[in-house]
Amino acid sequence: MNFHDFKTVFQNLPVFFGKDAVKPGKRQTMYNQLNNWRRKGLIIQLRRGLYIIGKSDRKVEPSVLFLSGQLYAPSYVSLEYALGLHGLIPEMVTGITSVTTRNPASFKTDLGSFTYQHIKRGAFRGFKAAKDQAGLTYFIAEPEKAIADFIYFNLPRFKRGDKDIFTQSYRFQNLEILKLKKLMAYAALFNSVKLTDISREFCRFIQEELKL
């Protein structure tokens, strides 16, 4: 198969798997061709077996949010990247941060960097489906779950009674969007006494800041 015929089939897809391009009896030949096109920049390899058509030829432009779920599933965007998207911290991080029930992983691609933290199945909730600019579905933590996830994965940095960390170290903002009961419910999923305590202190901090 020449590249013109190949791209006609796959350029309308946001991503494609190498196995989908392989015809019976021609597995090695096709993978050799994929490697050749990759070296020429006609396709981009996101991870082993997962590709996207090169920018000049693709007709669908997937977001990094969508790609994060394709690279490593099941997963949802959370932690610093989700906090930035929700406006809960002032900075937007460049790498996509997600959580998964699988082992931790990281990928550096031509389209961005992606990191995944392991979370137990019982805490793998509190996220919703959303659409990117291309109409592609991705999953992202609700604001309260992004907070709970963030505290959980940074527990060693938090000390009981240290309220300054919320404003000085992490500079949380737009706190009025958070539902405190929901935050505490998500924190309880981890069965961590310290996480529950820090989350409770965070809720008191929010109440003081908003004078509730």
N, C-alpha and C. Protein backbone atom coordinates (compact mmCIF):
# COMPACT_ATOMS: atom_id res chain seq x y z
N MET A 1 0.85 -1.20 0.00
CA MET A 1 0.00 0.00 0.00
C MET A 1 0.88 1.25 0.00
N ASN A 2 0.61 2.17 -0.91
CA ASN A 2 1.36 3.43 -0.90
C ASN A 2 0.74 4.38 0.11
N PHE A 3 1.46 5.47 0.42
CA PHE A 3 0.98 6.34 1.49
C PHE A 3 -0.29 7.07 1.10
N HIS A 4 -0.45 7.41 -0.15
CA HIS A 4 -1.68 8.10 -0.58
C HIS A 4 -2.91 7.25 -0.27
N ASP A 5 -2.85 5.98 -0.61
CA ASP A 5 -3.98 5.09 -0.33
C ASP A 5 -4.16 4.90 1.18
N PHE A 6 -3.04 4.83 1.88
CA PHE A 6 -3.10 4.64 3.33
C PHE A 6 -3.76 5.82 4.02
N LYS A 7 -3.34 7.01 3.69
CA LYS A 7 -3.87 8.19 4.38
C LYS A 7 -5.35 8.42 4.02
N THR A 8 -5.75 8.00 2.83
CA THR A 8 -7.16 8.11 2.46
C THR A 8 -8.03 7.33 3.42
N VAL A 9 -7.51 6.22 3.92
CA VAL A 9 -8.26 5.38 4.85
C VAL A 9 -8.21 5.92 6.27
N PHE A 10 -7.05 6.46 6.69
CA PHE A 10 -6.85 6.76 8.11
C PHE A 10 -6.81 8.25 8.48
N GLN A 11 -6.82 9.14 7.49
CA GLN A 11 -6.66 10.55 7.83
C GLN A 11 -7.91 11.16 8.49
N ASN A 12 -9.03 10.49 8.43
CA ASN A 12 -10.24 10.98 9.08
C ASN A 12 -10.38 10.47 10.51
N LEU A 13 -9.43 9.66 10.95
CA LEU A 13 -9.45 9.15 12.31
C LEU A 13 -8.54 9.98 13.20
N PRO A 14 -8.92 10.24 14.46
CA PRO A 14 -8.04 11.02 15.34
C PRO A 14 -6.75 10.30 15.67
N VAL A 15 -6.81 9.00 15.84
CA VAL A 15 -5.64 8.14 16.04
C VAL A 15 -5.95 6.79 15.39
N PHE A 16 -4.92 5.99 15.21
CA PHE A 16 -5.17 4.65 14.68
C PHE A 16 -4.13 3.69 15.25
N PHE A 17 -4.50 2.44 15.31
CA PHE A 17 -3.60 1.40 15.80
C PHE A 17 -2.95 0.70 14.61
N GLY A 18 -1.68 0.38 14.78
CA GLY A 18 -0.96 -0.29 13.71
C GLY A 18 -1.63 -1.58 13.28
N LYS A 19 -2.20 -2.30 14.22
CA LYS A 19 -2.84 -3.57 13.90
C LYS A 19 -4.02 -3.39 12.95
N ASP A 20 -4.64 -2.19 12.98
CA ASP A 20 -5.77 -1.94 12.10
C ASP A 20 -5.34 -1.76 10.65
N ALA A 21 -4.05 -1.48 10.45
CA ALA A 21 -3.54 -1.28 9.09
C ALA A 21 -2.96 -2.54 8.49
N VAL A 22 -2.86 -3.58 9.29
CA VAL A 22 -2.21 -4.81 8.85
C VAL A 22 -3.20 -5.74 8.16
N LYS A 23 -2.83 -6.21 7.00
CA LYS A 23 -3.63 -7.18 6.28
C LYS A 23 -3.12 -8.59 6.57
N PRO A 24 -4.00 -9.57 6.51
CA PRO A 24 -3.58 -10.95 6.80
C PRO A 24 -2.37 -11.35 5.96
N GLY A 25 -1.37 -11.91 6.62
CA GLY A 25 -0.20 -12.40 5.91
C GLY A 25 0.83 -11.34 5.57
N LYS A 26 0.54 -10.06 5.93
CA LYS A 26 1.47 -8.99 5.57
C LYS A 26 1.85 -8.15 6.79
N ARG A 27 1.86 -8.79 7.95
CA ARG A 27 2.09 -8.06 9.20
C ARG A 27 3.45 -7.36 9.20
N GLN A 28 4.52 -8.09 8.97
CA GLN A 28 5.84 -7.50 9.04
C GLN A 28 6.05 -6.45 7.96
N THR A 29 5.52 -6.71 6.77
CA THR A 29 5.66 -5.74 5.68
C THR A 29 5.00 -4.42 6.05
N MET A 30 3.81 -4.50 6.64
CA MET A 30 3.10 -3.28 6.99
C MET A 30 3.80 -2.53 8.11
N TYR A 31 4.31 -3.26 9.10
CA TYR A 31 5.00 -2.57 10.19
C TYR A 31 6.30 -1.94 9.69
N ASN A 32 6.95 -2.57 8.74
CA ASN A 32 8.13 -1.95 8.14
C ASN A 32 7.75 -0.66 7.41
N GLN A 33 6.61 -0.69 6.75
CA GLN A 33 6.14 0.50 6.05
C GLN A 33 5.78 1.61 7.03
N LEU A 34 5.12 1.24 8.13
CA LEU A 34 4.78 2.24 9.15
C LEU A 34 6.03 2.89 9.71
N ASN A 35 7.06 2.10 9.96
CA ASN A 35 8.31 2.65 10.47
C ASN A 35 8.97 3.58 9.46
N ASN A 36 8.85 3.23 8.22
CA ASN A 36 9.41 4.06 7.15
C ASN A 36 8.68 5.41 7.08
N TRP A 37 7.34 5.37 7.15
CA TRP A 37 6.55 6.61 7.12
C TRP A 37 6.80 7.44 8.38
N ARG A 38 7.01 6.76 9.51
CA ARG A 38 7.30 7.48 10.75
C ARG A 38 8.62 8.24 10.64
N ARG A 39 9.64 7.60 10.09
CA ARG A 39 10.94 8.25 9.93
C ARG A 39 10.84 9.46 9.00
N LYS A 40 9.95 9.40 8.04
CA LYS A 40 9.76 10.49 7.09
C LYS A 40 8.85 11.58 7.65
N GLY A 41 8.24 11.34 8.80
CA GLY A 41 7.35 12.32 9.40
C GLY A 41 5.94 12.31 8.85
N LEU A 42 5.61 11.29 8.07
CA LEU A 42 4.26 11.20 7.50
C LEU A 42 3.24 10.75 8.54
N ILE A 43 3.70 9.97 9.51
CA ILE A 43 2.87 9.59 10.65
C ILE A 43 3.68 9.81 11.91
N ILE A 44 2.99 9.93 13.04
CA ILE A 44 3.64 10.14 14.33
C ILE A 44 3.27 8.97 15.24
N GLN A 45 4.28 8.39 15.86
CA GLN A 45 4.02 7.31 16.80
C GLN A 45 3.85 7.92 18.19
N LEU A 46 2.68 7.66 18.80
CA LEU A 46 2.38 8.17 20.13
C LEU A 46 2.92 7.23 21.21
N ARG A 47 2.78 5.97 20.97
CA ARG A 47 3.38 4.90 21.77
C ARG A 47 3.41 3.66 20.89
N ARG A 48 3.93 2.59 21.40
CA ARG A 48 4.03 1.39 20.57
C ARG A 48 2.65 0.95 20.09
N GLY A 49 2.49 0.91 18.78
CA GLY A 49 1.25 0.45 18.19
C GLY A 49 0.19 1.51 17.99
N LEU A 50 0.41 2.74 18.50
CA LEU A 50 -0.59 3.80 18.38
C LEU A 50 0.01 4.98 17.61
N TYR A 51 -0.73 5.44 16.60
CA TYR A 51 -0.19 6.45 15.70
C TYR A 51 -1.24 7.53 15.40
N ILE A 52 -0.73 8.61 14.81
CA ILE A 52 -1.59 9.65 14.27
C ILE A 52 -0.99 10.09 12.94
N ILE A 53 -1.84 10.42 12.00
CA ILE A 53 -1.36 10.92 10.71
C ILE A 53 -0.64 12.25 10.92
N GLY A 54 0.40 12.51 10.13
CA GLY A 54 1.14 13.77 10.24
C GLY A 54 0.24 14.98 10.06
N LYS A 55 0.63 16.09 10.64
CA LYS A 55 -0.22 17.28 10.70
C LYS A 55 -0.69 17.75 9.33
N SER A 56 0.16 17.70 8.34
CA SER A 56 -0.21 18.23 7.01
C SER A 56 -1.26 17.37 6.32
N ASP A 57 -1.42 16.13 6.76
CA ASP A 57 -2.36 15.23 6.08
C ASP A 57 -3.59 14.87 6.90
N ARG A 58 -3.54 15.08 8.20
CA ARG A 58 -4.70 14.65 9.00
C ARG A 58 -5.84 15.65 8.89
N LYS A 59 -7.04 15.13 8.93
CA LYS A 59 -8.25 15.95 8.81
C LYS A 59 -8.95 16.15 10.15
N VAL A 60 -8.48 15.44 11.17
CA VAL A 60 -9.02 15.60 12.52
C VAL A 60 -7.87 16.02 13.42
N GLU A 61 -8.07 17.06 14.22
CA GLU A 61 -7.03 17.57 15.11
C GLU A 61 -7.42 17.27 16.56
N PRO A 62 -7.00 16.11 17.07
CA PRO A 62 -7.37 15.75 18.44
C PRO A 62 -6.63 16.60 19.46
N SER A 63 -7.27 16.88 20.58
CA SER A 63 -6.62 17.62 21.65
C SER A 63 -5.73 16.69 22.47
N VAL A 64 -4.85 17.28 23.25
CA VAL A 64 -4.02 16.47 24.14
C VAL A 64 -4.90 15.81 25.21
N LEU A 65 -6.03 16.42 25.51
CA LEU A 65 -6.95 15.83 26.48
C LEU A 65 -7.50 14.51 25.95
N PHE A 66 -7.90 14.50 24.71
CA PHE A 66 -8.38 13.26 24.08
C PHE A 66 -7.25 12.25 23.99
N LEU A 67 -6.08 12.69 23.56
CA LEU A 67 -4.95 11.78 23.38
C LEU A 67 -4.55 11.13 24.70
N SER A 68 -4.71 11.85 25.81
CA SER A 68 -4.32 11.28 27.09
C SER A 68 -5.10 10.01 27.41
N GLY A 69 -6.37 10.00 27.04
CA GLY A 69 -7.19 8.82 27.28
C GLY A 69 -6.92 7.69 26.31
N GLN A 70 -6.42 8.03 25.13
CA GLN A 70 -6.09 7.01 24.14
C GLN A 70 -4.74 6.35 24.43
N LEU A 71 -3.83 7.13 24.97
CA LEU A 71 -2.49 6.61 25.25
C LEU A 71 -2.50 5.56 26.35
N TYR A 72 -3.36 5.77 27.36
CA TYR A 72 -3.32 4.89 28.52
C TYR A 72 -4.72 4.87 29.13
N ALA A 73 -5.38 3.75 29.03
CA ALA A 73 -6.76 3.64 29.52
C ALA A 73 -6.88 2.41 30.42
N PRO A 74 -7.79 2.48 31.41
CA PRO A 74 -8.67 3.62 31.70
C PRO A 74 -7.92 4.71 32.46
N SER A 75 -8.27 5.94 32.17
CA SER A 75 -7.67 7.07 32.87
C SER A 75 -8.56 8.29 32.72
N TYR A 76 -8.34 9.26 33.57
CA TYR A 76 -9.01 10.56 33.41
C TYR A 76 -8.04 11.65 33.81
N VAL A 77 -8.18 12.82 33.20
CA VAL A 77 -7.31 13.95 33.48
C VAL A 77 -7.63 14.49 34.87
N SER A 78 -6.59 14.72 35.66
CA SER A 78 -6.78 15.21 37.03
C SER A 78 -5.52 15.95 37.47
N LEU A 79 -5.37 16.11 38.80
CA LEU A 79 -4.18 16.71 39.38
C LEU A 79 -3.93 18.12 38.80
N GLU A 80 -2.68 18.49 38.59
CA GLU A 80 -2.37 19.87 38.24
C GLU A 80 -3.05 20.35 36.96
N TYR A 81 -3.11 19.47 35.95
CA TYR A 81 -3.69 19.93 34.68
C TYR A 81 -5.18 20.21 34.84
N ALA A 82 -5.89 19.34 35.54
CA ALA A 82 -7.31 19.56 35.76
C ALA A 82 -7.54 20.78 36.65
N LEU A 83 -6.70 20.95 37.68
CA LEU A 83 -6.83 22.12 38.54
C LEU A 83 -6.67 23.41 37.73
N GLY A 84 -5.73 23.41 36.78
CA GLY A 84 -5.55 24.57 35.92
C GLY A 84 -6.75 24.81 35.03
N LEU A 85 -7.29 23.76 34.44
CA LEU A 85 -8.45 23.90 33.57
C LEU A 85 -9.66 24.42 34.33
N HIS A 86 -9.81 23.98 35.56
CA HIS A 86 -10.94 24.44 36.39
C HIS A 86 -10.69 25.81 36.99
N GLY A 87 -9.49 26.37 36.79
CA GLY A 87 -9.17 27.68 37.32
C GLY A 87 -8.89 27.70 38.81
N LEU A 88 -8.57 26.54 39.38
CA LEU A 88 -8.34 26.45 40.82
C LEU A 88 -6.91 26.80 41.21
N ILE A 89 -6.01 26.82 40.25
CA ILE A 89 -4.65 27.31 40.46
C ILE A 89 -4.35 28.30 39.33
N PRO A 90 -3.47 29.26 39.57
CA PRO A 90 -3.26 30.32 38.57
C PRO A 90 -2.49 29.89 37.34
N GLU A 91 -1.67 28.86 37.46
CA GLU A 91 -0.84 28.45 36.32
C GLU A 91 -1.44 27.25 35.60
N MET A 92 -1.20 27.20 34.29
CA MET A 92 -1.52 26.00 33.53
C MET A 92 -0.23 25.23 33.30
N VAL A 93 -0.19 23.98 33.71
CA VAL A 93 0.99 23.17 33.45
C VAL A 93 0.97 22.70 32.00
N THR A 94 2.14 22.40 31.48
CA THR A 94 2.20 22.02 30.07
C THR A 94 1.94 20.53 29.85
N GLY A 95 2.39 19.70 30.77
CA GLY A 95 2.19 18.26 30.62
C GLY A 95 0.82 17.85 31.14
N ILE A 96 0.23 16.87 30.49
CA ILE A 96 -1.07 16.37 30.91
C ILE A 96 -0.89 15.40 32.08
N THR A 97 -1.62 15.64 33.17
CA THR A 97 -1.54 14.79 34.35
C THR A 97 -2.85 14.04 34.51
N SER A 98 -2.77 12.73 34.66
CA SER A 98 -3.96 11.89 34.75
C SER A 98 -3.78 10.85 35.84
N VAL A 99 -4.88 10.19 36.19
CA VAL A 99 -4.83 9.07 37.11
C VAL A 99 -5.42 7.84 36.42
N THR A 100 -4.99 6.68 36.84
CA THR A 100 -5.39 5.43 36.21
C THR A 100 -5.42 4.33 37.25
N THR A 101 -6.13 3.26 36.96
CA THR A 101 -6.10 2.08 37.82
C THR A 101 -4.94 1.16 37.46
N ARG A 102 -4.24 1.48 36.40
CA ARG A 102 -3.08 0.69 35.98
C ARG A 102 -1.83 1.20 36.67
N ASN A 103 -0.70 0.62 36.34
CA ASN A 103 0.57 1.06 36.91
C ASN A 103 0.89 2.48 36.46
N PRO A 104 1.66 3.23 37.25
CA PRO A 104 2.08 4.57 36.82
C PRO A 104 2.82 4.48 35.48
N ALA A 105 2.70 5.53 34.69
CA ALA A 105 3.36 5.53 33.38
C ALA A 105 3.58 6.97 32.93
N SER A 106 4.45 7.13 31.96
CA SER A 106 4.67 8.45 31.37
C SER A 106 5.04 8.26 29.90
N PHE A 107 4.63 9.22 29.09
CA PHE A 107 4.90 9.19 27.66
C PHE A 107 5.31 10.59 27.21
N LYS A 108 6.37 10.66 26.42
CA LYS A 108 6.76 11.91 25.79
C LYS A 108 6.59 11.74 24.29
N THR A 109 5.75 12.55 23.72
CA THR A 109 5.46 12.44 22.30
C THR A 109 5.71 13.78 21.62
N ASP A 110 5.60 13.79 20.31
CA ASP A 110 5.75 15.03 19.55
C ASP A 110 4.59 15.99 19.83
N LEU A 111 3.51 15.47 20.38
CA LEU A 111 2.33 16.29 20.63
C LEU A 111 2.18 16.70 22.09
N GLY A 112 3.06 16.23 22.95
CA GLY A 112 2.99 16.61 24.36
C GLY A 112 3.49 15.50 25.27
N SER A 113 3.58 15.82 26.55
CA SER A 113 4.00 14.83 27.54
C SER A 113 2.80 14.47 28.41
N PHE A 114 2.78 13.21 28.84
CA PHE A 114 1.63 12.67 29.57
C PHE A 114 2.14 11.84 30.74
N THR A 115 1.62 12.09 31.93
CA THR A 115 1.98 11.27 33.10
C THR A 115 0.71 10.72 33.74
N TYR A 116 0.84 9.52 34.29
CA TYR A 116 -0.30 8.82 34.88
C TYR A 116 0.10 8.29 36.26
N GLN A 117 -0.72 8.61 37.26
CA GLN A 117 -0.51 8.12 38.60
C GLN A 117 -1.53 7.03 38.90
N HIS A 118 -1.10 6.02 39.65
CA HIS A 118 -1.99 4.91 39.99
C HIS A 118 -2.94 5.29 41.11
N ILE A 119 -4.18 4.88 40.94
CA ILE A 119 -5.21 5.10 41.96
C ILE A 119 -5.98 3.80 42.12
N LYS A 120 -6.40 3.49 43.34
CA LYS A 120 -7.12 2.24 43.55
C LYS A 120 -8.51 2.33 42.92
N ARG A 121 -9.06 1.18 42.59
CA ARG A 121 -10.33 1.14 41.87
C ARG A 121 -11.46 1.82 42.63
N GLY A 122 -11.43 1.68 43.95
CA GLY A 122 -12.50 2.28 44.75
C GLY A 122 -12.53 3.79 44.69
N ALA A 123 -11.40 4.40 44.33
CA ALA A 123 -11.33 5.86 44.23
C ALA A 123 -11.38 6.34 42.79
N PHE A 124 -11.53 5.41 41.86
CA PHE A 124 -11.54 5.76 40.44
C PHE A 124 -12.97 6.20 40.05
N ARG A 125 -13.31 7.39 40.46
CA ARG A 125 -14.62 7.97 40.16
C ARG A 125 -14.51 9.48 40.38
N GLY A 126 -15.61 10.16 40.20
CA GLY A 126 -15.57 11.61 40.35
C GLY A 126 -15.09 12.33 39.11
N PHE A 127 -15.28 11.71 37.95
CA PHE A 127 -14.90 12.36 36.70
C PHE A 127 -16.08 12.34 35.74
N LYS A 128 -16.00 13.15 34.72
CA LYS A 128 -17.10 13.27 33.76
C LYS A 128 -16.56 13.31 32.34
N ALA A 129 -17.43 13.01 31.41
CA ALA A 129 -17.06 13.08 29.99
C ALA A 129 -17.22 14.51 29.50
N ALA A 130 -16.31 14.92 28.64
CA ALA A 130 -16.37 16.24 28.01
C ALA A 130 -15.95 16.10 26.55
N LYS A 131 -16.17 17.14 25.77
CA LYS A 131 -15.81 17.14 24.35
C LYS A 131 -14.73 18.19 24.10
N ASP A 132 -13.75 17.84 23.27
CA ASP A 132 -12.75 18.83 22.88
C ASP A 132 -13.22 19.60 21.66
N GLN A 133 -12.36 20.45 21.10
CA GLN A 133 -12.76 21.32 19.99
C GLN A 133 -13.09 20.53 18.73
N ALA A 134 -12.61 19.29 18.65
CA ALA A 134 -12.91 18.44 17.49
C ALA A 134 -14.14 17.56 17.74
N GLY A 135 -14.76 17.72 18.90
CA GLY A 135 -15.92 16.90 19.24
C GLY A 135 -15.56 15.53 19.76
N LEU A 136 -14.30 15.33 20.15
CA LEU A 136 -13.84 14.04 20.64
C LEU A 136 -13.99 13.98 22.16
N THR A 137 -14.34 12.83 22.67
CA THR A 137 -14.63 12.68 24.10
C THR A 137 -13.37 12.40 24.91
N TYR A 138 -13.27 13.07 26.04
CA TYR A 138 -12.22 12.78 27.02
C TYR A 138 -12.86 12.81 28.40
N PHE A 139 -12.13 12.35 29.39
CA PHE A 139 -12.65 12.30 30.76
C PHE A 139 -11.78 13.17 31.66
N ILE A 140 -12.44 13.96 32.50
CA ILE A 140 -11.73 14.88 33.37
C ILE A 140 -12.37 14.87 34.76
N ALA A 141 -11.53 15.01 35.77
CA ALA A 141 -12.01 15.02 37.14
C ALA A 141 -12.89 16.24 37.40
N GLU A 142 -13.93 16.05 38.19
CA GLU A 142 -14.68 17.19 38.67
C GLU A 142 -13.76 18.02 39.55
N PRO A 143 -14.06 19.31 39.75
CA PRO A 143 -13.15 20.16 40.54
C PRO A 143 -12.83 19.57 41.92
N GLU A 144 -13.84 19.07 42.60
CA GLU A 144 -13.63 18.52 43.94
C GLU A 144 -12.76 17.26 43.91
N LYS A 145 -12.91 16.44 42.88
CA LYS A 145 -12.11 15.22 42.79
C LYS A 145 -10.66 15.56 42.42
N ALA A 146 -10.48 16.58 41.59
CA ALA A 146 -9.13 17.02 41.24
C ALA A 146 -8.39 17.47 42.50
N ILE A 147 -9.10 18.15 43.40
CA ILE A 147 -8.51 18.58 44.67
C ILE A 147 -8.15 17.37 45.52
N ALA A 148 -9.11 16.44 45.68
CA ALA A 148 -8.87 15.25 46.49
C ALA A 148 -7.70 14.43 45.94
N ASP A 149 -7.67 14.25 44.62
CA ASP A 149 -6.56 13.52 44.00
C ASP A 149 -5.24 14.22 44.26
N PHE A 150 -5.24 15.55 44.11
CA PHE A 150 -4.00 16.31 44.28
C PHE A 150 -3.47 16.20 45.71
N ILE A 151 -4.35 16.35 46.68
CA ILE A 151 -3.91 16.23 48.07
C ILE A 151 -3.38 14.82 48.34
N TYR A 152 -4.09 13.81 47.82
CA TYR A 152 -3.67 12.43 48.05
C TYR A 152 -2.26 12.17 47.53
N PHE A 153 -1.97 12.61 46.32
CA PHE A 153 -0.66 12.33 45.73
C PHE A 153 0.44 13.26 46.25
N ASN A 154 0.06 14.25 47.05
CA ASN A 154 1.04 15.16 47.64
C ASN A 154 0.97 15.16 49.16
N LEU A 155 0.42 14.11 49.74
CA LEU A 155 0.23 14.06 51.19
C LEU A 155 1.48 14.37 52.00
N PRO A 156 2.67 13.87 51.62
CA PRO A 156 3.86 14.17 52.42
C PRO A 156 4.15 15.66 52.54
N ARG A 157 3.67 16.46 51.60
CA ARG A 157 3.93 17.89 51.63
C ARG A 157 2.98 18.64 52.56
N PHE A 158 1.88 18.02 52.92
CA PHE A 158 0.88 18.67 53.76
C PHE A 158 1.10 18.31 55.22
N LYS A 159 1.00 19.31 56.07
CA LYS A 159 1.08 19.10 57.51
C LYS A 159 -0.21 19.59 58.15
N ARG A 160 -0.69 18.84 59.09
CA ARG A 160 -1.91 19.24 59.80
C ARG A 160 -1.69 20.60 60.46
N GLY A 161 -2.65 21.47 60.28
CA GLY A 161 -2.59 22.79 60.89
C GLY A 161 -1.86 23.84 60.07
N ASP A 162 -1.28 23.47 58.94
CA ASP A 162 -0.55 24.41 58.10
C ASP A 162 -1.48 24.95 57.01
N LYS A 163 -2.12 26.07 57.29
CA LYS A 163 -3.06 26.66 56.32
C LYS A 163 -2.34 27.47 55.25
N ASP A 164 -1.11 27.90 55.55
CA ASP A 164 -0.40 28.73 54.59
C ASP A 164 -0.12 27.99 53.28
N ILE A 165 -0.03 26.67 53.36
CA ILE A 165 0.28 25.90 52.15
C ILE A 165 -0.79 26.06 51.08
N PHE A 166 -2.03 26.33 51.53
CA PHE A 166 -3.12 26.48 50.57
C PHE A 166 -3.02 27.77 49.77
N THR A 167 -2.46 28.81 50.37
CA THR A 167 -2.38 30.11 49.69
C THR A 167 -0.99 30.42 49.17
N GLN A 168 0.03 30.01 49.90
CA GLN A 168 1.39 30.39 49.53
C GLN A 168 2.07 29.37 48.62
N SER A 169 1.96 28.09 48.96
CA SER A 169 2.63 27.07 48.16
C SER A 169 1.86 26.74 46.89
N TYR A 170 0.55 26.59 47.01
CA TYR A 170 -0.25 26.16 45.86
C TYR A 170 -1.17 27.24 45.31
N ARG A 171 -1.39 28.29 46.09
CA ARG A 171 -2.17 29.45 45.64
C ARG A 171 -3.52 29.06 45.03
N PHE A 172 -4.26 28.28 45.77
CA PHE A 172 -5.59 27.90 45.30
C PHE A 172 -6.47 29.15 45.16
N GLN A 173 -7.32 29.15 44.15
CA GLN A 173 -8.17 30.30 43.87
C GLN A 173 -9.53 29.82 43.36
N ASN A 174 -10.44 30.78 43.16
CA ASN A 174 -11.79 30.47 42.67
C ASN A 174 -12.45 29.38 43.50
N LEU A 175 -12.26 29.46 44.81
CA LEU A 175 -12.74 28.41 45.72
C LEU A 175 -14.25 28.33 45.79
N GLU A 176 -14.93 29.37 45.35
CA GLU A 176 -16.40 29.38 45.43
C GLU A 176 -17.04 28.32 44.55
N ILE A 177 -16.30 27.77 43.59
CA ILE A 177 -16.90 26.75 42.71
C ILE A 177 -16.95 25.38 43.38
N LEU A 178 -16.27 25.22 44.51
CA LEU A 178 -16.17 23.91 45.14
C LEU A 178 -17.35 23.65 46.08
N LYS A 179 -17.85 22.43 46.03
CA LYS A 179 -18.88 21.96 46.95
C LYS A 179 -18.18 21.14 48.04
N LEU A 180 -18.23 21.65 49.25
CA LEU A 180 -17.41 21.08 50.32
C LEU A 180 -17.82 19.66 50.69
N LYS A 181 -19.11 19.39 50.71
CA LYS A 181 -19.56 18.03 51.04
C LYS A 181 -19.09 17.03 49.97
N LYS A 182 -19.11 17.45 48.74
CA LYS A 182 -18.65 16.58 47.66
C LYS A 182 -17.15 16.34 47.78
N LEU A 183 -16.40 17.37 48.12
CA LEU A 183 -14.96 17.23 48.30
C LEU A 183 -14.65 16.20 49.39
N MET A 184 -15.37 16.31 50.52
CA MET A 184 -15.13 15.38 51.62
C MET A 184 -15.55 13.96 51.24
N ALA A 185 -16.60 13.83 50.46
CA ALA A 185 -17.03 12.50 50.02
C ALA A 185 -15.98 11.86 49.13
N TYR A 186 -15.37 12.64 48.25
CA TYR A 186 -14.32 12.10 47.39
C TYR A 186 -13.06 11.77 48.20
N ALA A 187 -12.74 12.60 49.18
CA ALA A 187 -11.59 12.33 50.02
C ALA A 187 -11.76 11.02 50.78
N ALA A 188 -13.00 10.72 51.18
CA ALA A 188 -13.27 9.50 51.95
C ALA A 188 -13.03 8.23 51.14
N LEU A 189 -13.03 8.34 49.82
CA LEU A 189 -12.83 7.16 48.97
C LEU A 189 -11.45 6.53 49.16
N PHE A 190 -10.50 7.31 49.62
CA PHE A 190 -9.12 6.84 49.73
C PHE A 190 -8.85 6.12 51.05
N ASN A 191 -9.78 6.22 51.99
CA ASN A 191 -9.61 5.57 53.31
C ASN A 191 -8.29 5.96 53.96
N SER A 192 -7.97 7.25 53.89
CA SER A 192 -6.75 7.78 54.48
C SER A 192 -7.13 8.80 55.55
N VAL A 193 -6.72 8.54 56.79
CA VAL A 193 -7.05 9.45 57.88
C VAL A 193 -6.42 10.82 57.64
N LYS A 194 -5.15 10.82 57.20
CA LYS A 194 -4.49 12.10 56.97
C LYS A 194 -5.15 12.87 55.83
N LEU A 195 -5.50 12.18 54.77
CA LEU A 195 -6.17 12.84 53.65
C LEU A 195 -7.49 13.46 54.10
N THR A 196 -8.24 12.73 54.90
CA THR A 196 -9.50 13.25 55.41
C THR A 196 -9.26 14.48 56.28
N ASP A 197 -8.24 14.43 57.13
CA ASP A 197 -7.93 15.56 58.00
C ASP A 197 -7.52 16.79 57.19
N ILE A 198 -6.64 16.60 56.22
CA ILE A 198 -6.17 17.73 55.40
C ILE A 198 -7.34 18.29 54.58
N SER A 199 -8.18 17.43 54.06
CA SER A 199 -9.34 17.89 53.28
C SER A 199 -10.29 18.68 54.16
N ARG A 200 -10.46 18.24 55.40
CA ARG A 200 -11.33 18.97 56.34
C ARG A 200 -10.74 20.35 56.64
N GLU A 201 -9.42 20.41 56.82
CA GLU A 201 -8.78 21.70 57.05
C GLU A 201 -8.90 22.59 55.83
N PHE A 202 -8.81 21.99 54.66
CA PHE A 202 -8.97 22.75 53.42
C PHE A 202 -10.38 23.34 53.33
N CYS A 203 -11.37 22.55 53.73
CA CYS A 203 -12.75 23.04 53.72
C CYS A 203 -12.91 24.21 54.70
N ARG A 204 -12.29 24.12 55.87
CA ARG A 204 -12.36 25.23 56.83
C ARG A 204 -11.66 26.47 56.27
N PHE A 205 -10.56 26.23 55.58
CA PHE A 205 -9.85 27.34 54.93
C PHE A 205 -10.75 28.02 53.91
N ILE A 206 -11.46 27.24 53.11
CA ILE A 206 -12.38 27.80 52.11
C ILE A 206 -13.46 28.63 52.80
N GLN A 207 -14.03 28.10 53.85
CA GLN A 207 -15.09 28.81 54.57
C GLN A 207 -14.58 30.15 55.12
N GLU A 208 -13.35 30.15 55.62
CA GLU A 208 -12.78 31.40 56.14
C GLU A 208 -12.52 32.40 55.01
N GLU A 209 -11.99 31.87 53.90
CA GLU A 209 -11.70 32.75 52.77
C GLU A 209 -12.97 33.38 52.21
N LEU A 210 -14.02 32.58 52.14
CA LEU A 210 -15.29 33.05 51.57
C LEU A 210 -16.23 33.61 52.61
N LYS A 211 -15.79 33.55 53.88
CA LYS A 211 -16.58 34.04 54.99
C LYS A 211 -17.97 33.41 55.02
N LEU A 212 -17.96 32.07 54.92
CA LEU A 212 -19.21 31.31 54.93
C LEU A 212 -19.67 31.05 56.36
